[in-house]
N, C-alpha and C. Protein backbone atom coordinates (compact mmCIF):
# COMPACT_ATOMS: atom_id res chain seq x y z
N SER A 1 2.93 -14.54 -12.95
CA SER A 1 1.70 -14.15 -13.89
C SER A 1 1.23 -12.69 -13.65
N ILE A 2 0.37 -12.22 -14.39
CA ILE A 2 -0.19 -11.03 -14.22
C ILE A 2 -1.08 -11.07 -13.02
N GLU A 3 -1.76 -12.10 -12.51
CA GLU A 3 -2.61 -12.00 -11.41
C GLU A 3 -1.79 -11.89 -10.14
N THR A 4 -0.78 -12.42 -10.06
CA THR A 4 0.35 -12.26 -8.97
C THR A 4 0.88 -10.84 -8.91
N THR A 5 1.20 -10.53 -9.99
CA THR A 5 1.62 -8.85 -9.87
C THR A 5 0.35 -8.05 -9.66
N ARG A 6 -0.83 -8.23 -9.88
CA ARG A 6 -2.09 -7.49 -9.58
C ARG A 6 -2.20 -7.61 -8.03
N ILE A 7 -2.04 -8.86 -7.59
CA ILE A 7 -2.09 -8.90 -5.98
C ILE A 7 -1.16 -7.93 -5.41
N TYR A 8 0.07 -8.27 -5.88
CA TYR A 8 1.07 -7.28 -5.43
C TYR A 8 1.01 -6.03 -5.17
N THR A 9 0.44 -5.55 -6.43
CA THR A 9 0.19 -4.04 -6.45
C THR A 9 -0.76 -3.57 -5.51
N VAL A 10 -1.81 -4.43 -5.32
CA VAL A 10 -3.01 -3.85 -4.44
C VAL A 10 -2.43 -4.05 -2.98
N SER A 11 -1.75 -5.20 -2.68
CA SER A 11 -1.35 -5.09 -1.23
C SER A 11 -0.33 -4.20 -0.75
N SER A 12 0.59 -3.70 -1.93
CA SER A 12 1.69 -2.75 -1.49
C SER A 12 0.91 -1.44 -1.42
N GLY A 13 -0.17 -1.22 -2.35
CA GLY A 13 -0.90 0.03 -2.35
C GLY A 13 -1.51 0.19 -0.99
N THR A 14 -2.03 -0.78 -0.49
CA THR A 14 -2.54 -0.69 0.84
C THR A 14 -1.65 -0.28 1.94
N GLU A 15 -0.57 -1.08 1.94
CA GLU A 15 0.57 -0.68 2.89
C GLU A 15 1.10 0.64 2.75
N HIS A 16 0.93 1.11 1.43
CA HIS A 16 1.47 2.65 1.32
C HIS A 16 0.43 3.45 2.09
N LYS A 17 -0.65 3.22 1.71
CA LYS A 17 -1.72 4.20 2.34
C LYS A 17 -1.69 4.02 3.90
N LYS A 18 -1.38 3.04 4.58
CA LYS A 18 -1.28 2.66 5.81
C LYS A 18 0.02 3.69 6.25
N MET A 19 1.21 3.63 5.55
CA MET A 19 2.15 4.58 6.01
C MET A 19 1.88 5.98 5.90
N LEU A 20 1.20 6.35 4.84
CA LEU A 20 0.90 7.68 4.76
C LEU A 20 -0.07 8.28 5.82
N SER A 21 -1.08 7.38 6.25
CA SER A 21 -2.02 8.00 7.26
C SER A 21 -1.14 7.85 8.76
N LYS A 22 -0.16 7.24 8.77
CA LYS A 22 0.56 7.24 9.94
C LYS A 22 1.26 8.59 9.88
N LEU A 23 2.03 8.75 8.72
CA LEU A 23 2.83 10.01 8.53
C LEU A 23 1.84 11.29 8.90
N LYS A 24 0.84 11.22 8.27
CA LYS A 24 -0.12 12.40 8.77
C LYS A 24 -0.47 12.38 10.12
N LEU A 25 -0.68 11.36 10.88
CA LEU A 25 -0.73 11.51 12.39
C LEU A 25 0.39 12.13 13.08
N LEU A 26 1.53 11.76 12.56
CA LEU A 26 2.81 12.33 12.99
C LEU A 26 3.00 13.64 13.05
N CYS A 27 2.60 14.41 11.80
CA CYS A 27 2.77 15.77 11.47
C CYS A 27 1.76 16.47 12.44
């Protein structure tokens, strides 16, 4: 359903931000 997709987008977005912050720390 749309609700599930929305939750997936939010959670994956959070994970993406975590990865980006880790990459910035490594650089």
